[in-house]
Protein backbone atom coordinates (compact mmCIF):
# COMPACT_ATOMS: atom_id res chain seq x y z
CA MET A 1 -0.07 0.28 -0.22
CA LYS A 2 1.56 3.32 -1.02
CA THR A 3 1.76 6.57 1.02
CA ALA A 4 1.63 9.93 0.15
CA GLY A 5 5.25 10.83 0.32
CA LEU A 6 7.84 9.93 2.82
CA THR A 7 6.75 8.71 5.98
CA ILE A 8 8.71 9.17 9.48
CA ALA A 9 9.38 5.63 10.75
CA LEU A 10 8.06 4.14 13.97
CA LEU A 11 10.54 3.57 16.96
CA ILE A 12 9.44 1.42 19.80
CA SER A 13 11.43 1.11 22.25
CA PHE A 14 11.54 -0.33 25.93
CA SER A 15 11.53 1.84 29.11
CA ALA A 16 14.04 1.13 31.79
CA LEU A 17 11.53 2.01 34.40
CA ALA A 18 9.63 -0.70 35.89
CA PHE A 19 5.92 -0.97 35.62
CA GLY A 20 4.42 -0.98 39.01
CA GLY A 21 0.83 -0.59 38.99
CA PRO A 22 -2.62 -1.67 36.75
CA ILE A 23 -2.53 -0.64 33.19
CA THR A 24 -4.64 2.07 32.40
CA VAL A 25 -6.41 1.58 28.63
CA ASP A 26 -5.90 4.85 27.51
CA GLY A 27 -4.00 4.36 24.38
CA ASP A 28 -0.64 5.59 25.78
CA LEU A 29 1.11 2.40 26.46
CA THR A 30 4.15 3.63 28.59
CA ASP A 31 2.74 1.77 31.55
CA TRP A 32 3.02 -1.47 29.34
CA GLY A 33 6.90 -0.18 29.59
CA ILE A 34 6.51 0.62 25.30
CA VAL A 35 6.97 4.02 24.15
CA VAL A 36 5.38 4.53 20.75
CA ALA A 37 7.07 7.80 18.73
CA ASP A 38 8.13 8.72 15.20
CA GLY A 39 11.92 8.65 14.67
CA ASN A 40 14.90 6.50 13.47
CA ALA A 41 13.60 3.26 12.65
CA SER A 42 13.84 0.41 15.13
CA ASN A 43 12.76 -3.46 15.48
CA ILE A 44 12.10 -4.69 18.52
CA SER A 45 14.23 -7.31 19.57
CA ALA A 46 13.15 -8.08 23.25
CA TYR A 47 10.73 -7.64 25.91
CA ALA A 48 11.84 -8.53 29.41
CA GLY A 49 8.37 -7.73 30.85
CA TYR A 50 7.60 -5.41 34.01
CA SER A 51 6.56 -6.26 37.68
CA GLY A 52 2.69 -6.44 37.65
CA ILE A 53 2.22 -7.31 34.20
CA ASP A 54 2.21 -11.16 33.12
CA LEU A 55 3.24 -10.78 29.50
CA LEU A 56 2.22 -13.84 27.76
CA ASP A 57 3.65 -12.62 23.89
CA TRP A 58 4.34 -10.22 21.73
CA MET A 59 5.19 -9.89 18.26
CA SER A 60 6.48 -7.35 16.04
CA GLU A 61 6.28 -7.18 12.20
CA ASP A 62 7.18 -4.31 10.65
CA THR A 63 8.17 -1.19 13.00
CA ASN A 64 10.23 0.62 10.11
CA ASP A 65 7.69 2.57 7.69
CA ASN A 66 10.30 2.72 5.22
CA SER A 67 12.01 -0.43 5.01
CA ASN A 68 9.43 -2.12 2.57
CA SER A 69 8.53 -2.10 -0.98
CA TYR A 70 5.09 -1.38 -0.18
CA TYR A 71 3.83 -4.62 -1.81
CA VAL A 72 0.07 -5.77 -0.78
CA GLY A 73 0.26 -9.24 0.84
CA PRO A 74 0.54 -11.46 3.63
CA ASN A 75 3.37 -10.00 5.98
CA TYR A 76 4.46 -7.18 3.66
CA GLY A 77 3.97 -3.61 5.08
CA GLY A 78 2.55 -0.41 3.50
CA GLN A 79 1.77 2.38 6.16
CA ASN A 80 -2.03 2.46 5.98
CA TYR A 81 -3.13 -0.15 8.93
CA ASP A 82 0.13 -1.72 8.40
CA ALA A 83 0.31 -4.23 11.34
CA GLU A 84 3.26 -3.37 13.44
CA PHE A 85 3.01 -4.69 16.84
CA LEU A 86 1.05 -7.12 19.03
CA ALA A 87 1.32 -7.57 22.85
CA ALA A 88 -0.90 -9.46 25.23
CA ALA A 89 -0.81 -9.91 28.82
CA THR A 90 -2.79 -10.72 31.85
CA ALA A 91 -2.98 -8.54 35.01
CA GLY A 92 -5.84 -8.23 37.89
CA GLY A 93 -7.70 -11.42 36.30
CA LYS A 94 -8.32 -9.58 33.06
CA LEU A 95 -6.81 -10.15 29.32
CA TYR A 96 -4.80 -6.77 28.07
CA LEU A 97 -4.16 -6.19 24.12
CA ALA A 98 -2.11 -3.73 22.86
CA ILE A 99 -1.58 -3.22 18.90
CA VAL A 100 0.03 -0.10 16.77
CA SER A 101 -0.67 0.32 13.23
CA GLY A 102 0.53 2.47 10.71
CA GLN A 103 -2.39 4.44 10.14
CA ARG A 104 -1.93 7.44 8.54
CA PRO A 105 -3.93 10.67 8.82
CA ASP A 106 -4.33 11.33 5.12
CA ASN A 107 -5.34 8.64 3.35
CA GLY A 108 -5.54 5.57 5.39
CA PRO A 109 -8.94 6.23 6.81
CA ARG A 110 -10.67 7.12 3.61
CA LEU A 111 -8.70 3.89 1.64
CA PHE A 112 -8.03 1.08 4.07
CA ALA A 113 -9.89 -0.54 7.15
CA PRO A 114 -8.98 -2.08 10.20
CA GLY A 115 -9.88 -5.76 10.91
CA ASP A 116 -11.12 -7.11 13.88
CA ILE A 117 -9.51 -9.20 16.55
CA ARG A 118 -9.44 -12.95 16.71
CA ILE A 119 -8.83 -15.30 19.54
CA GLU A 120 -8.72 -18.97 18.97
CA THR A 121 -9.48 -21.07 22.26
CA THR A 122 -9.91 -24.79 22.99
CA SER A 123 -13.37 -23.18 24.47
CA GLY A 124 -13.94 -21.82 20.61
CA ILE A 125 -13.39 -18.67 18.55
CA PHE A 126 -14.07 -15.16 19.82
CA GLY A 127 -13.73 -11.99 18.41
CA ILE A 128 -13.44 -8.33 19.66
CA GLU A 129 -15.15 -5.71 17.43
CA VAL A 130 -12.57 -3.27 16.59
CA GLY A 131 -15.35 -0.60 15.06
CA GLY A 132 -13.88 2.92 13.68
CA GLY A 133 -15.57 3.97 10.43
CA LEU A 134 -14.63 6.21 8.01
CA TYR A 135 -13.90 9.92 8.29
CA GLY A 136 -16.25 12.03 6.59
CA GLY A 137 -20.12 12.64 7.28
CA GLY A 138 -19.40 14.31 10.44
CA ASP A 139 -16.71 11.88 11.66
CA ASP A 140 -13.86 13.77 12.42
CA GLY A 141 -11.72 10.53 13.16
CA SER A 142 -11.27 11.23 16.85
CA PHE A 143 -10.61 8.44 19.24
CA ILE A 144 -13.38 5.86 19.98
CA GLU A 145 -13.96 4.24 23.04
CA GLU A 146 -16.03 1.08 24.01
CA GLY A 147 -20.10 1.46 22.66
CA ALA A 148 -19.01 3.58 19.64
CA PRO A 149 -20.67 1.89 16.59
CA GLY A 150 -19.36 -1.33 14.93
CA THR A 151 -18.30 -1.21 11.38
CA THR A 152 -18.11 -3.99 8.67
CA TYR A 153 -16.26 -3.05 5.54
CA GLU A 154 -17.14 -3.54 1.93
CA LEU A 155 -13.71 -4.27 0.12
CA ASN A 156 -12.32 -4.08 -3.80
CA SER A 157 -10.16 -7.05 -5.00
CA HIS A 158 -7.22 -4.78 -4.23
CA GLY A 159 -8.40 -4.27 -0.31
CA TYR A 160 -9.58 -0.73 -0.89
CA THR A 161 -12.55 0.07 1.29
CA ILE A 162 -15.71 0.88 -0.87
CA SER A 163 -18.30 0.96 1.89
CA VAL A 164 -18.82 0.87 5.54
CA ASP A 165 -22.12 -0.53 7.60
CA TYR A 166 -22.49 0.81 10.86
CA SER A 167 -23.86 -1.19 13.91
CA ILE A 168 -25.60 -0.76 17.18
CA THR A 169 -25.88 -4.32 18.09
CA GLN A 170 -22.11 -5.21 17.28
CA LEU A 171 -20.37 -2.34 19.19
CA ALA A 172 -16.72 -1.24 19.29
CA GLY A 173 -15.09 -3.72 22.41
CA SER A 174 -18.05 -5.98 21.93
CA VAL A 175 -16.92 -9.74 22.49
CA TRP A 176 -18.47 -12.20 20.77
CA GLN A 177 -18.28 -16.34 20.34
CA ASP A 178 -18.80 -18.67 17.37
CA ALA A 179 -19.85 -15.35 15.07
CA LEU A 180 -19.50 -15.55 11.56
CA TRP A 181 -16.19 -14.20 9.93
CA ARG A 182 -14.98 -12.45 6.40
CA LEU A 183 -12.38 -13.09 4.35
CA ASP A 184 -9.89 -10.44 3.10
CA PRO A 185 -10.14 -10.21 -0.64
CA ILE A 186 -6.38 -10.80 -1.09
CA ALA A 187 -4.90 -14.16 -1.53
CA PRO A 188 -4.65 -16.47 0.39
CA GLY A 189 -7.48 -15.14 1.82
CA VAL A 190 -7.87 -15.13 6.06
CA GLU A 191 -10.78 -14.38 8.55
CA THR A 192 -10.57 -10.47 9.41
CA GLN A 193 -13.97 -8.97 10.26
CA GLN A 194 -16.65 -10.18 12.38
CA LEU A 195 -20.55 -10.39 10.76
CA SER A 196 -23.77 -11.58 12.35
CA GLY A 197 -24.08 -14.13 14.56
CA GLY A 198 -22.52 -15.50 17.55
CA THR A 199 -23.40 -15.12 21.06
CA LEU A 200 -21.94 -11.49 23.28
CA VAL A 201 -19.91 -12.74 26.47
CA GLY A 202 -18.54 -9.40 27.31
CA LEU A 203 -17.90 -6.06 26.51
CA ALA A 204 -14.23 -4.91 26.75
CA ASP A 205 -12.65 -1.67 28.43
CA TYR A 206 -11.44 -0.20 24.88
CA TYR A 207 -9.55 2.68 23.13
CA PHE A 208 -8.64 3.24 19.59
CA SER A 209 -7.05 6.18 18.61
CA ARG A 210 -7.99 6.22 15.05
CA ASN A 211 -6.67 9.49 13.90
CA SER A 212 -2.73 8.59 14.44
CA TYR A 213 -0.60 8.29 17.93
CA GLY A 214 2.70 10.59 17.14
CA THR A 215 1.44 11.78 13.74
CA GLN A 216 1.97 8.42 11.92
CA HIS A 217 0.57 5.34 14.34
CA SER A 218 -2.99 4.30 15.60
CA ILE A 219 -3.24 2.32 19.07
CA ILE A 220 -5.73 -0.11 19.98
CA GLU A 221 -5.55 -0.83 23.68
CA LEU A 222 -8.04 -3.13 25.52
CA SER A 223 -8.98 -5.36 28.70
CA VAL A 224 -11.50 -8.16 28.66
CA PRO A 225 -12.09 -10.39 32.50
CA LEU A 226 -10.37 -13.57 31.65
CA THR A 227 -14.12 -15.32 32.53
CA ALA A 228 -15.42 -14.16 29.15
CA PHE A 229 -13.23 -17.05 27.61
CA GLY A 230 -15.38 -19.78 29.05
CA PRO A 231 -14.49 -22.55 31.77
CA VAL A 232 -11.08 -23.06 30.54
CA GLY A 233 -10.20 -19.47 29.76
CA LEU A 234 -6.90 -18.60 27.93
CA ASP A 235 -4.23 -21.85 27.98
CA ALA A 236 -1.80 -22.40 26.00
CA GLU A 237 -3.31 -23.65 23.00
CA THR A 238 -4.79 -19.80 22.46
CA ASP A 239 -3.76 -17.92 19.32
CA ILE A 240 -4.67 -13.88 19.01
CA PHE A 241 -4.71 -12.39 15.55
CA TRP A 242 -4.63 -9.08 14.39
CA ARG A 243 -4.93 -8.04 10.29
CA PRO A 244 -6.44 -4.83 8.72
CA SER A 245 -9.40 -6.06 6.66
CA CYS A 246 -7.33 -5.82 3.30
CA GLY A 247 -5.32 -8.77 4.53
CA ASN A 248 -2.23 -7.05 4.23
CA ASP A 249 0.23 -8.01 7.09
CA GLU A 250 -0.83 -10.41 10.06
CA LEU A 251 0.28 -9.99 13.65
CA GLN A 252 -0.19 -13.14 15.85
CA VAL A 253 0.67 -13.84 19.21
CA GLY A 254 0.55 -17.72 21.11
CA PHE A 255 0.66 -17.94 24.74
CA THR A 256 4.19 -19.03 25.88
CA HIS A 257 2.12 -20.35 29.21
CA ILE A 258 -1.07 -20.63 30.64
CA ALA A 259 -2.88 -17.61 32.01
CA PRO A 260 -4.62 -18.01 35.05
CA LEU A 261 -8.20 -18.05 35.29
CA PRO A 262 -9.75 -16.30 38.46
CA GLY A 263 -12.14 -18.25 39.59
CA ALA A 264 -15.01 -20.08 37.77
CA VAL A 265 -17.48 -18.67 35.36
CA GLY A 266 -20.70 -17.03 36.67
CA PRO A 267 -23.73 -18.16 34.76
CA GLY A 268 -24.91 -14.34 34.68
CA LEU A 269 -21.80 -13.38 33.05
CA ALA A 270 -23.73 -13.31 29.45
CA VAL A 271 -26.84 -11.72 31.19
CA PHE A 272 -24.60 -8.81 32.37
CA ALA A 273 -22.88 -8.35 29.05
CA LEU A 274 -25.93 -8.24 27.47
CA LEU A 275 -27.52 -5.89 30.17
CA SER A 276 -24.28 -3.74 29.53
CA LEU A 277 -24.47 -3.62 26.34
CA ALA A 278 -28.42 -2.86 25.69
CA GLY A 279 -27.66 0.04 28.48
CA VAL A 280 -24.96 1.46 26.03
CA ILE A 281 -27.64 1.14 22.91
CA ARG A 282 -30.30 3.13 25.30
CA ARG A 283 -28.07 5.87 26.26
CA ARG A 284 -26.77 6.48 22.51
CA ARG A 285 -30.25 6.39 21.26
CA ALA A 286 -31.40 8.83 23.87
CA ALA A 287 -28.44 10.96 22.97
CA VAL A 288 -29.46 11.10 19.32
């Protein structure tokens, strides 16, 4: 995916300061010990972890915005929604995810679209709705949080977004089990977007910066109670994926050890999630 003009390289570095408190879901990854900034190119080569975070796995794919040929295909970068970094951790009985993409504030929101998060476990396949939509039509491209409308994108054969549908049922940050998935249009075609169906199992604490962090990058940060993933929770068989909707690039983490599940799953979890989601929908309709 070719960008207009030169891009500023992404620098992801790791702070020497120890992390000593809970992760705050706000798009600022310094509480992970990660700094995202425009600067000299640097690929991550080590992640030691920090006190208070049980790091499960991490992956960096293309953290140098100028290092690729802009060829569109799996594990190749452009800049718009380029998959650059994914980390998974647990703390306080929750799964935390941090994603860095190369969304640009110029043509990225107009031409390309983010995918949803896919989590494969022994209990089933879960998806987290990313949402986001397109800029324009009153959308200023500012950050979104849980409860914003979910989005499904129609793409052409080159992976360009040609239309978007908004959903007030499958909201941003909502977590679904065994939903239908759409394949991206670029061979070999893999799952990138949740569609209808499935069972609502929770609503994440969710933040998507969208309109860039440091002028060149967007961050998705979220947390979900581990109990949302069933009686087994997240074990050593778990894999987490994030891909742009166009199928360009892929981030995947697989756990190096079992994430502890705090207590048994309560039978009221799904009911609580549905009530929470219904409340969000009512508040949004009342505000219209």
